[in-house]
Amino acid sequence: AETLSPSRSLQDSPQVQLITISDEESGQRIDNFLLRI
């Protein structure tokens, strides 16, 4: 699927999502990032 804004949580997404990390997401561990979105 097309890129999803990282400030928005995934909700019932039927396709693969590509998320570009902003400066606000930078520094997070990937597991914590996924748990949040």
Full PDB file with SEQRES, HELIX, SHEET, SSBOND, CRYST1, ORIGX, SCALE, CONECT and MASTER records, all heavy atoms in Angstrom:
SEQRES   1 A   37  ALA GLU THR LEU SER PRO SER ARG SER LEU GLN ASP SER          
SEQRES   2 A   37  PRO GLN VAL GLN LEU ILE THR ILE SER ASP GLU GLU SER          
SEQRES   3 A   37  GLY GLN ARG ILE ASP ASN PHE LEU LEU ARG ILE                  
HELIX    1 AA1 ILE A   30  ARG A   36  1                                   7    
CRYST1    1.000    1.000    1.000  90.00  90.00  90.00 P 1           1          
ORIGX1      1.000000  0.000000  0.000000        0.00000                         
ORIGX2      0.000000  1.000000  0.000000        0.00000                         
ORIGX3      0.000000  0.000000  1.000000        0.00000                         
SCALE1      1.000000  0.000000  0.000000        0.00000                         
SCALE2      0.000000  1.000000  0.000000        0.00000                         
SCALE3      0.000000  0.000000  1.000000        0.00000                         
ATOM      1  N   ALA A   1       0.834  -1.196   0.000  1.00  0.00           N  
ATOM      2  CA  ALA A   1       0.000   0.000   0.000  1.00  0.00           C  
ATOM      3  C   ALA A   1       0.871   1.248   0.000  1.00  0.00           C  
ATOM      4  O   ALA A   1       2.060   1.202   0.240  1.00  0.00           O  
ATOM      5  CB  ALA A   1      -0.904   0.008   1.225  1.00  0.00           C  
ATOM      6  N   GLU A   2       0.240   2.392  -0.219  1.00  0.00           N  
ATOM      7  CA  GLU A   2       0.978   3.639  -0.204  1.00  0.00           C  
ATOM      8  C   GLU A   2       1.345   4.016   1.232  1.00  0.00           C  
ATOM      9  O   GLU A   2       0.795   3.508   2.184  1.00  0.00           O  
ATOM     10  CB  GLU A   2       0.135   4.743  -0.849  1.00  0.00           C  
ATOM     11  CG  GLU A   2      -1.218   4.953  -0.194  1.00  0.00           C  
ATOM     12  CD  GLU A   2      -2.078   5.900  -0.984  1.00  0.00           C  
ATOM     13  OE1 GLU A   2      -2.156   5.716  -2.213  1.00  0.00           O  
ATOM     14  OE2 GLU A   2      -2.664   6.795  -0.375  1.00  0.00           O  
ATOM     15  N   THR A   3       2.301   4.918   1.342  1.00  0.00           N  
ATOM     16  CA  THR A   3       2.845   5.299   2.642  1.00  0.00           C  
ATOM     17  C   THR A   3       1.765   5.860   3.558  1.00  0.00           C  
ATOM     18  O   THR A   3       0.906   6.629   3.147  1.00  0.00           O  
ATOM     19  CB  THR A   3       3.945   6.356   2.448  1.00  0.00           C  
ATOM     20  OG1 THR A   3       4.963   5.795   1.636  1.00  0.00           O  
ATOM     21  CG2 THR A   3       4.520   6.781   3.790  1.00  0.00           C  
ATOM     22  N   LEU A   4       1.846   5.456   4.838  1.00  0.00           N  
ATOM     23  CA  LEU A   4       0.913   5.919   5.856  1.00  0.00           C  
ATOM     24  C   LEU A   4       1.607   6.913   6.764  1.00  0.00           C  
ATOM     25  O   LEU A   4       2.756   6.733   7.115  1.00  0.00           O  
ATOM     26  CB  LEU A   4       0.431   4.730   6.696  1.00  0.00           C  
ATOM     27  CG  LEU A   4      -0.522   5.020   7.862  1.00  0.00           C  
ATOM     28  CD1 LEU A   4      -1.904   5.342   7.327  1.00  0.00           C  
ATOM     29  CD2 LEU A   4      -0.593   3.828   8.804  1.00  0.00           C  
ATOM     30  N   SER A   5       0.918   7.971   7.140  1.00  0.00           N  
ATOM     31  CA  SER A   5       1.494   8.948   8.064  1.00  0.00           C  
ATOM     32  C   SER A   5       1.812   8.281   9.383  1.00  0.00           C  
ATOM     33  O   SER A   5       0.969   7.605   9.957  1.00  0.00           O  
ATOM     34  CB  SER A   5       0.495  10.089   8.301  1.00  0.00           C  
ATOM     35  OG  SER A   5       0.925  10.889   9.379  1.00  0.00           O  
ATOM     36  N   PRO A   6       3.033   8.445   9.913  1.00  0.00           N  
ATOM     37  CA  PRO A   6       3.420   7.785  11.150  1.00  0.00           C  
ATOM     38  C   PRO A   6       2.705   8.310  12.368  1.00  0.00           C  
ATOM     39  O   PRO A   6       2.759   7.695  13.418  1.00  0.00           O  
ATOM     40  CB  PRO A   6       4.921   8.083  11.238  1.00  0.00           C  
ATOM     41  CG  PRO A   6       5.115   9.322  10.447  1.00  0.00           C  
ATOM     42  CD  PRO A   6       4.121   9.248   9.336  1.00  0.00           C  
ATOM     43  N   SER A   7       2.034   9.451  12.268  1.00  0.00           N  
ATOM     44  CA  SER A   7       1.323   9.996  13.418  1.00  0.00           C  
ATOM     45  C   SER A   7      -0.031   9.334  13.604  1.00  0.00           C  
ATOM     46  O   SER A   7      -0.726   9.590  14.569  1.00  0.00           O  
ATOM     47  CB  SER A   7       1.125  11.512  13.246  1.00  0.00           C  
ATOM     48  OG  SER A   7       0.301  11.776  12.125  1.00  0.00           O  
ATOM     49  N   ARG A   8      -0.417   8.435  12.664  1.00  0.00           N  
ATOM     50  CA  ARG A   8      -1.737   7.824  12.721  1.00  0.00           C  
ATOM     51  C   ARG A   8      -1.611   6.339  12.997  1.00  0.00           C  
ATOM     52  O   ARG A   8      -0.764   5.657  12.429  1.00  0.00           O  
ATOM     53  CB  ARG A   8      -2.448   8.062  11.381  1.00  0.00           C  
ATOM     54  CG  ARG A   8      -3.940   7.821  11.436  1.00  0.00           C  
ATOM     55  CD  ARG A   8      -4.567   8.189  10.114  1.00  0.00           C  
ATOM     56  NE  ARG A   8      -4.063   7.349   9.024  1.00  0.00           N  
ATOM     57  CZ  ARG A   8      -4.359   7.544   7.759  1.00  0.00           C  
ATOM     58  NH1 ARG A   8      -5.092   8.572   7.404  1.00  0.00           N  
ATOM     59  NH2 ARG A   8      -3.890   6.740   6.826  1.00  0.00           N  
ATOM     60  N   SER A   9      -2.454   5.812  13.882  1.00  0.00           N  
ATOM     61  CA  SER A   9      -2.410   4.392  14.210  1.00  0.00           C  
ATOM     62  C   SER A   9      -2.995   3.566  13.078  1.00  0.00           C  
ATOM     63  O   SER A   9      -3.915   3.999  12.369  1.00  0.00           O  
ATOM     64  CB  SER A   9      -3.212   4.124  15.482  1.00  0.00           C  
ATOM     65  OG  SER A   9      -2.621   4.760  16.580  1.00  0.00           O  
ATOM     66  N   LEU A  10      -2.474   2.359  12.895  1.00  0.00           N  
ATOM     67  CA  LEU A  10      -3.036   1.448  11.913  1.00  0.00           C  
ATOM     68  C   LEU A  10      -4.383   0.935  12.408  1.00  0.00           C  
ATOM     69  O   LEU A  10      -4.509   0.536  13.550  1.00  0.00           O  
ATOM     70  CB  LEU A  10      -2.089   0.262  11.709  1.00  0.00           C  
ATOM     71  CG  LEU A  10      -0.723   0.591  11.104  1.00  0.00           C  
ATOM     72  CD1 LEU A  10       0.123  -0.662  11.056  1.00  0.00           C  
ATOM     73  CD2 LEU A  10      -0.878   1.180   9.721  1.00  0.00           C  
ATOM     74  N   GLN A  11      -5.390   0.934  11.582  1.00  0.00           N  
ATOM     75  CA  GLN A  11      -6.711   0.495  11.991  1.00  0.00           C  
ATOM     76  C   GLN A  11      -7.341  -0.326  10.876  1.00  0.00           C  
ATOM     77  O   GLN A  11      -7.729   0.198   9.847  1.00  0.00           O  
ATOM     78  CB  GLN A  11      -7.587   1.718  12.329  1.00  0.00           C  
ATOM     79  CG  GLN A  11      -8.940   1.363  12.904  1.00  0.00           C  
ATOM     80  CD  GLN A  11      -8.820   0.838  14.316  1.00  0.00           C  
ATOM     81  OE1 GLN A  11      -7.916   1.200  15.042  1.00  0.00           O  
ATOM     82  NE2 GLN A  11      -9.723  -0.033  14.700  1.00  0.00           N  
ATOM     83  N   ASP A  12      -7.399  -1.649  11.086  1.00  0.00           N  
ATOM     84  CA  ASP A  12      -8.055  -2.542  10.146  1.00  0.00           C  
ATOM     85  C   ASP A  12      -7.477  -2.389   8.739  1.00  0.00           C  
ATOM     86  O   ASP A  12      -8.193  -2.217   7.763  1.00  0.00           O  
ATOM     87  CB  ASP A  12      -9.565  -2.265  10.136  1.00  0.00           C  
ATOM     88  CG  ASP A  12     -10.335  -3.431   9.523  1.00  0.00           C  
ATOM     89  OD1 ASP A  12      -9.873  -4.575   9.654  1.00  0.00           O  
ATOM     90  OD2 ASP A  12     -11.389  -3.190   8.910  1.00  0.00           O  
ATOM     91  N   SER A  13      -6.143  -2.439   8.614  1.00  0.00           N  
ATOM     92  CA  SER A  13      -5.483  -2.252   7.325  1.00  0.00           C  
ATOM     93  C   SER A  13      -5.427  -3.565   6.553  1.00  0.00           C  
ATOM     94  O   SER A  13      -4.847  -4.540   7.025  1.00  0.00           O  
ATOM     95  CB  SER A  13      -4.064  -1.721   7.545  1.00  0.00           C  
ATOM     96  OG  SER A  13      -4.123  -0.499   8.253  1.00  0.00           O  
ATOM     97  N   PRO A  14      -6.002  -3.652   5.329  1.00  0.00           N  
ATOM     98  CA  PRO A  14      -6.031  -4.897   4.571  1.00  0.00           C  
ATOM     99  C   PRO A  14      -4.759  -5.146   3.775  1.00  0.00           C  
ATOM    100  O   PRO A  14      -4.595  -6.204   3.198  1.00  0.00           O  
ATOM    101  CB  PRO A  14      -7.229  -4.690   3.634  1.00  0.00           C  
ATOM    102  CG  PRO A  14      -7.223  -3.214   3.384  1.00  0.00           C  
ATOM    103  CD  PRO A  14      -6.756  -2.579   4.655  1.00  0.00           C  
ATOM    104  N   GLN A  15      -3.870  -4.146   3.715  1.00  0.00           N  
ATOM    105  CA  GLN A  15      -2.690  -4.276   2.881  1.00  0.00           C  
ATOM    106  C   GLN A  15      -1.442  -3.961   3.676  1.00  0.00           C  
ATOM    107  O   GLN A  15      -1.495  -3.431   4.782  1.00  0.00           O  
ATOM    108  CB  GLN A  15      -2.788  -3.323   1.685  1.00  0.00           C  
ATOM    109  CG  GLN A  15      -3.901  -3.674   0.704  1.00  0.00           C  
ATOM    110  CD  GLN A  15      -3.941  -2.688  -0.433  1.00  0.00           C  
ATOM    111  OE1 GLN A  15      -4.071  -1.488  -0.222  1.00  0.00           O  
ATOM    112  NE2 GLN A  15      -3.807  -3.187  -1.647  1.00  0.00           N  
ATOM    113  N   VAL A  16      -0.302  -4.276   3.056  1.00  0.00           N  
ATOM    114  CA  VAL A  16       0.970  -3.885   3.640  1.00  0.00           C  
ATOM    115  C   VAL A  16       1.037  -2.365   3.706  1.00  0.00           C  
ATOM    116  O   VAL A  16       0.567  -1.675   2.805  1.00  0.00           O  
ATOM    117  CB  VAL A  16       2.136  -4.425   2.778  1.00  0.00           C  
ATOM    118  CG1 VAL A  16       3.444  -3.741   3.150  1.00  0.00           C  
ATOM    119  CG2 VAL A  16       2.258  -5.930   2.948  1.00  0.00           C  
ATOM    120  N   GLN A  17       1.594  -1.847   4.808  1.00  0.00           N  
ATOM    121  CA  GLN A  17       1.761  -0.408   4.951  1.00  0.00           C  
ATOM    122  C   GLN A  17       3.249  -0.071   4.935  1.00  0.00           C  
ATOM    123  O   GLN A  17       4.065  -0.765   5.542  1.00  0.00           O  
ATOM    124  CB  GLN A  17       1.142   0.069   6.266  1.00  0.00           C  
ATOM    125  CG  GLN A  17      -0.343  -0.232   6.410  1.00  0.00           C  
ATOM    126  CD  GLN A  17      -1.201   0.595   5.459  1.00  0.00           C  
ATOM    127  OE1 GLN A  17      -0.767   1.653   4.996  1.00  0.00           O  
ATOM    128  NE2 GLN A  17      -2.395   0.106   5.177  1.00  0.00           N  
ATOM    129  N   LEU A  18       3.589   1.010   4.244  1.00  0.00           N  
ATOM    130  CA  LEU A  18       4.950   1.528   4.238  1.00  0.00           C  
ATOM    131  C   LEU A  18       4.938   2.847   5.001  1.00  0.00           C  
ATOM    132  O   LEU A  18       4.266   3.794   4.601  1.00  0.00           O  
ATOM    133  CB  LEU A  18       5.449   1.745   2.815  1.00  0.00           C  
ATOM    134  CG  LEU A  18       5.599   0.479   1.949  1.00  0.00           C  
ATOM    135  CD1 LEU A  18       6.077   0.863   0.563  1.00  0.00           C  
ATOM    136  CD2 LEU A  18       6.547  -0.502   2.614  1.00  0.00           C  
ATOM    137  N   ILE A  19       5.676   2.896   6.101  1.00  0.00           N  
ATOM    138  CA  ILE A  19       5.677   4.067   6.971  1.00  0.00           C  
ATOM    139  C   ILE A  19       7.063   4.696   6.969  1.00  0.00           C  
ATOM    140  O   ILE A  19       8.049   4.040   7.302  1.00  0.00           O  
ATOM    141  CB  ILE A  19       5.274   3.696   8.407  1.00  0.00           C  
ATOM    142  CG1 ILE A  19       3.899   3.009   8.405  1.00  0.00           C  
ATOM    143  CG2 ILE A  19       5.281   4.918   9.309  1.00  0.00           C  
ATOM    144  CD1 ILE A  19       3.486   2.501   9.766  1.00  0.00           C  
ATOM    145  N   THR A  20       7.120   5.955   6.588  1.00  0.00           N  
ATOM    146  CA  THR A  20       8.388   6.682   6.610  1.00  0.00           C  
ATOM    147  C   THR A  20       8.560   7.329   7.979  1.00  0.00           C  
ATOM    148  O   THR A  20       7.694   8.067   8.441  1.00  0.00           O  
ATOM    149  CB  THR A  20       8.423   7.760   5.520  1.00  0.00           C  
ATOM    150  OG1 THR A  20       8.250   7.139   4.237  1.00  0.00           O  
ATOM    151  CG2 THR A  20       9.752   8.506   5.540  1.00  0.00           C  
ATOM    152  N   ILE A  21       9.685   7.041   8.627  1.00  0.00           N  
ATOM    153  CA  ILE A  21       9.927   7.509   9.986  1.00  0.00           C  
ATOM    154  C   ILE A  21      10.317   8.988   9.998  1.00  0.00           C  
ATOM    155  O   ILE A  21      11.207   9.416   9.271  1.00  0.00           O  
ATOM    156  CB  ILE A  21      11.041   6.667  10.652  1.00  0.00           C  
ATOM    157  CG1 ILE A  21      10.607   5.198  10.711  1.00  0.00           C  
ATOM    158  CG2 ILE A  21      11.365   7.189  12.047  1.00  0.00           C  
ATOM    159  CD1 ILE A  21       9.305   4.956  11.454  1.00  0.00           C  
ATOM    160  N   SER A  22       9.611   9.744  10.832  1.00  0.00           N  
ATOM    161  CA  SER A  22       9.910  11.171  10.981  1.00  0.00           C  
ATOM    162  C   SER A  22      10.920  11.362  12.104  1.00  0.00           C  
ATOM    163  O   SER A  22      11.322  10.406  12.770  1.00  0.00           O  
ATOM    164  CB  SER A  22       8.620  11.934  11.317  1.00  0.00           C  
ATOM    165  OG  SER A  22       8.208  11.616  12.635  1.00  0.00           O  
ATOM    166  N   ASP A  23      11.286  12.605  12.329  1.00  0.00           N  
ATOM    167  CA  ASP A  23      12.228  12.871  13.422  1.00  0.00           C  
ATOM    168  C   ASP A  23      11.631  12.525  14.772  1.00  0.00           C  
ATOM    169  O   ASP A  23      12.340  12.228  15.725  1.00  0.00           O  
ATOM    170  CB  ASP A  23      12.684  14.337  13.407  1.00  0.00           C  
ATOM    171  CG  ASP A  23      11.533  15.301  13.615  1.00  0.00           C  
ATOM    172  OD1 ASP A  23      10.375  14.927  13.360  1.00  0.00           O  
ATOM    173  OD2 ASP A  23      11.790  16.443  14.036  1.00  0.00           O  
ATOM    174  N   GLU A  24      10.276  12.535  14.878  1.00  0.00           N  
ATOM    175  CA  GLU A  24       9.637  12.203  16.147  1.00  0.00           C  
ATOM    176  C   GLU A  24       9.711  10.711  16.458  1.00  0.00           C  
ATOM    177  O   GLU A  24       9.718  10.311  17.616  1.00  0.00           O  
ATOM    178  CB  GLU A  24       8.166  12.634  16.127  1.00  0.00           C  
ATOM    179  CG  GLU A  24       7.975  14.128  16.203  1.00  0.00           C  
ATOM    180  CD  GLU A  24       8.715  14.743  17.371  1.00  0.00           C  
ATOM    181  OE1 GLU A  24       8.535  14.272  18.507  1.00  0.00           O  
ATOM    182  OE2 GLU A  24       9.514  15.661  17.153  1.00  0.00           O  
ATOM    183  N   GLU A  25       9.733   9.874  15.424  1.00  0.00           N  
ATOM    184  CA  GLU A  25       9.856   8.428  15.645  1.00  0.00           C  
ATOM    185  C   GLU A  25      11.309   8.000  15.805  1.00  0.00           C  
ATOM    186  O   GLU A  25      11.586   6.920  16.324  1.00  0.00           O  
ATOM    187  CB  GLU A  25       9.241   7.649  14.470  1.00  0.00           C  
ATOM    188  CG  GLU A  25       7.753   7.326  14.632  1.00  0.00           C  
ATOM    189  CD  GLU A  25       6.867   8.548  14.574  1.00  0.00           C  
ATOM    190  OE1 GLU A  25       7.231   9.517  13.891  1.00  0.00           O  
ATOM    191  OE2 GLU A  25       5.811   8.537  15.219  1.00  0.00           O  
ATOM    192  N   SER A  26      12.231   8.825  15.364  1.00  0.00           N  
ATOM    193  CA  SER A  26      13.644   8.477  15.399  1.00  0.00           C  
ATOM    194  C   SER A  26      14.105   8.174  16.816  1.00  0.00           C  
ATOM    195  O   SER A  26      13.751   8.871  17.758  1.00  0.00           O  
ATOM    196  CB  SER A  26      14.474   9.630  14.830  1.00  0.00           C  
ATOM    197  OG  SER A  26      15.846   9.327  14.852  1.00  0.00           O  
ATOM    198  N   GLY A  27      14.884   7.104  16.962  1.00  0.00           N  
ATOM    199  CA  GLY A  27      15.405   6.717  18.264  1.00  0.00           C  
ATOM    200  C   GLY A  27      14.615   5.635  18.955  1.00  0.00           C  
ATOM    201  O   GLY A  27      15.094   5.015  19.904  1.00  0.00           O  
ATOM    202  N   GLN A  28      13.385   5.374  18.480  1.00  0.00           N  
ATOM    203  CA  GLN A  28      12.563   4.320  19.079  1.00  0.00           C  
ATOM    204  C   GLN A  28      13.031   2.943  18.643  1.00  0.00           C  
ATOM    205  O   GLN A  28      13.470   2.754  17.507  1.00  0.00           O  
ATOM    206  CB  GLN A  28      11.107   4.450  18.628  1.00  0.00           C  
ATOM    207  CG  GLN A  28      10.291   5.466  19.313  1.00  0.00           C  
ATOM    208  CD  GLN A  28       8.843   5.317  18.933  1.00  0.00           C  
ATOM    209  OE1 GLN A  28       8.080   4.592  19.552  1.00  0.00           O  
ATOM    210  NE2 GLN A  28       8.446   6.009  17.874  1.00  0.00           N  
ATOM    211  N   ARG A  29      12.878   1.974  19.525  1.00  0.00           N  
ATOM    212  CA  ARG A  29      13.070   0.589  19.114  1.00  0.00           C  
ATOM    213  C   ARG A  29      11.885   0.177  18.247  1.00  0.00           C  
ATOM    214  O   ARG A  29      10.760   0.625  18.448  1.00  0.00           O  
ATOM    215  CB  ARG A  29      13.167  -0.325  20.329  1.00  0.00           C  
ATOM    216  CG  ARG A  29      14.556  -0.397  20.915  1.00  0.00           C  
ATOM    217  CD  ARG A  29      14.656  -1.265  22.137  1.00  0.00           C  
ATOM    218  NE  ARG A  29      13.908  -2.503  22.085  1.00  0.00           N  
ATOM    219  CZ  ARG A  29      14.270  -3.629  22.701  1.00  0.00           C  
ATOM    220  NH1 ARG A  29      15.389  -3.667  23.401  1.00  0.00           N  
ATOM    221  NH2 ARG A  29      13.525  -4.717  22.636  1.00  0.00           N  
ATOM    222  N   ILE A  30      12.144  -0.685  17.277  1.00  0.00           N  
ATOM    223  CA  ILE A  30      11.096  -1.098  16.344  1.00  0.00           C  
ATOM    224  C   ILE A  30       9.927  -1.775  17.046  1.00  0.00           C  
ATOM    225  O   ILE A  30       8.769  -1.579  16.677  1.00  0.00           O  
ATOM    226  CB  ILE A  30      11.683  -2.023  15.230  1.00  0.00           C  
ATOM    227  CG1 ILE A  30      10.606  -2.385  14.206  1.00  0.00           C  
ATOM    228  CG2 ILE A  30      12.323  -3.260  15.835  1.00  0.00           C  
ATOM    229  CD1 ILE A  30      10.072  -1.237  13.398  1.00  0.00           C  
ATOM    230  N   ASP A  31      10.215  -2.570  18.122  1.00  0.00           N  
ATOM    231  CA  ASP A  31       9.107  -3.247  18.808  1.00  0.00           C  
ATOM    232  C   ASP A  31       8.193  -2.243  19.492  1.00  0.00           C  
ATOM    233  O   ASP A  31       6.957  -2.356  19.429  1.00  0.00           O  
ATOM    234  CB  ASP A  31       9.622  -4.297  19.793  1.00  0.00           C  
ATOM    235  CG  ASP A  31      10.640  -3.760  20.774  1.00  0.00           C  
ATOM    236  OD1 ASP A  31      11.101  -2.612  20.614  1.00  0.00           O  
ATOM    237  OD2 ASP A  31      10.989  -4.499  21.722  1.00  0.00           O  
ATOM    238  N   ASN A  32       8.778  -1.216  20.114  1.00  0.00           N  
ATOM    239  CA  ASN A  32       7.960  -0.197  20.769  1.00  0.00           C  
ATOM    240  C   ASN A  32       7.165   0.618  19.755  1.00  0.00           C  
ATOM    241  O   ASN A  32       6.015   0.999  20.005  1.00  0.00           O  
ATOM    242  CB  ASN A  32       8.837   0.726  21.611  1.00  0.00           C  
ATOM    243  CG  ASN A  32       9.428   0.017  22.810  1.00  0.00           C  
ATOM    244  OD1 ASN A  32       8.822  -0.906  23.358  1.00  0.00           O  
ATOM    245  ND2 ASN A  32      10.607   0.432  23.231  1.00  0.00           N  
ATOM    246  N   PHE A  33       7.766   0.873  18.607  1.00  0.00           N  
ATOM    247  CA  PHE A  33       7.066   1.598  17.541  1.00  0.00           C  
ATOM    248  C   PHE A  33       5.846   0.817  17.073  1.00  0.00           C  
ATOM    249  O   PHE A  33       4.745   1.361  16.937  1.00  0.00           O  
ATOM    250  CB  PHE A  33       8.029   1.842  16.387  1.00  0.00           C  
ATOM    251  CG  PHE A  33       7.383   2.449  15.168  1.00  0.00           C  
ATOM    252  CD1 PHE A  33       7.010   3.785  15.152  1.00  0.00           C  
ATOM    253  CD2 PHE A  33       7.146   1.681  14.029  1.00  0.00           C  
ATOM    254  CE1 PHE A  33       6.417   4.346  14.031  1.00  0.00           C  
ATOM    255  CE2 PHE A  33       6.560   2.233  12.907  1.00  0.00           C  
ATOM    256  CZ  PHE A  33       6.188   3.572  12.902  1.00  0.00           C  
ATOM    257  N   LEU A  34       6.020  -0.487  16.853  1.00  0.00           N  
ATOM    258  CA  LEU A  34       4.904  -1.317  16.388  1.00  0.00           C  
ATOM    259  C   LEU A  34       3.807  -1.435  17.436  1.00  0.00           C  
ATOM    260  O   LEU A  34       2.617  -1.429  17.114  1.00  0.00           O  
ATOM    261  CB  LEU A  34       5.410  -2.702  15.995  1.00  0.00           C  
ATOM    262  CG  LEU A  34       6.305  -2.746  14.747  1.00  0.00           C  
ATOM    263  CD1 LEU A  34       6.901  -4.133  14.573  1.00  0.00           C  
ATOM    264  CD2 LEU A  34       5.526  -2.342  13.503  1.00  0.00           C  
ATOM    265  N   LEU A  35       4.209  -1.551  18.703  1.00  0.00           N  
ATOM    266  CA  LEU A  35       3.217  -1.634  19.774  1.00  0.00           C  
ATOM    267  C   LEU A  35       2.370  -0.369  19.822  1.00  0.00           C  
ATOM    268  O   LEU A  35       1.173  -0.421  20.138  1.00  0.00           O  
ATOM    269  CB  LEU A  35       3.907  -1.856  21.121  1.00  0.00           C  
ATOM    270  CG  LEU A  35       4.470  -3.255  21.352  1.00  0.00           C  
ATOM    271  CD1 LEU A  35       5.401  -3.266  22.562  1.00  0.00           C  
ATOM    272  CD2 LEU A  35       3.347  -4.273  21.533  1.00  0.00           C  
ATOM    273  N   ARG A  36       2.978   0.771  19.482  1.00  0.00           N  
ATOM    274  CA  ARG A  36       2.226   2.029  19.511  1.00  0.00           C  
ATOM    275  C   ARG A  36       1.270   2.153  18.339  1.00  0.00           C  
ATOM    276  O   ARG A  36       0.108   2.553  18.506  1.00  0.00           O  
ATOM    277  CB  ARG A  36       3.202   3.213  19.515  1.00  0.00           C  
ATOM    278  CG  ARG A  36       2.490   4.568  19.586  1.00  0.00           C  
ATOM    279  CD  ARG A  36       3.471   5.708  19.726  1.00  0.00           C  
ATOM    280  NE  ARG A  36       4.306   5.863  18.542  1.00  0.00           N  
ATOM    281  CZ  ARG A  36       3.933   6.507  17.446  1.00  0.00           C  
ATOM    282  NH1 ARG A  36       2.723   7.019  17.353  1.00  0.00           N  
ATOM    283  NH2 ARG A  36       4.750   6.612  16.425  1.00  0.00           N  
ATOM    284  N   ILE A  37       1.735   1.819  17.141  1.00  0.00           N  
ATOM    285  CA  ILE A  37       0.873   2.035  15.978  1.00  0.00           C  
ATOM    286  C   ILE A  37      -0.130   0.905  15.762  1.00  0.00           C  
ATOM    287  O   ILE A  37      -1.146   1.091  15.110  1.00  0.00           O  
ATOM    288  CB  ILE A  37       1.707   2.242  14.691  1.00  0.00           C  
ATOM    289  CG1 ILE A  37       2.462   0.969  14.313  1.00  0.00           C  
ATOM    290  CG2 ILE A  37       2.622   3.434  14.825  1.00  0.00           C  
ATOM    291  CD1 ILE A  37       3.047   1.029  12.924  1.00  0.00           C  
TER     292      ILE A  37                                                      
MASTER        0    0    0    1    0    0    0    6  291    1    0    3          
END                                                                             
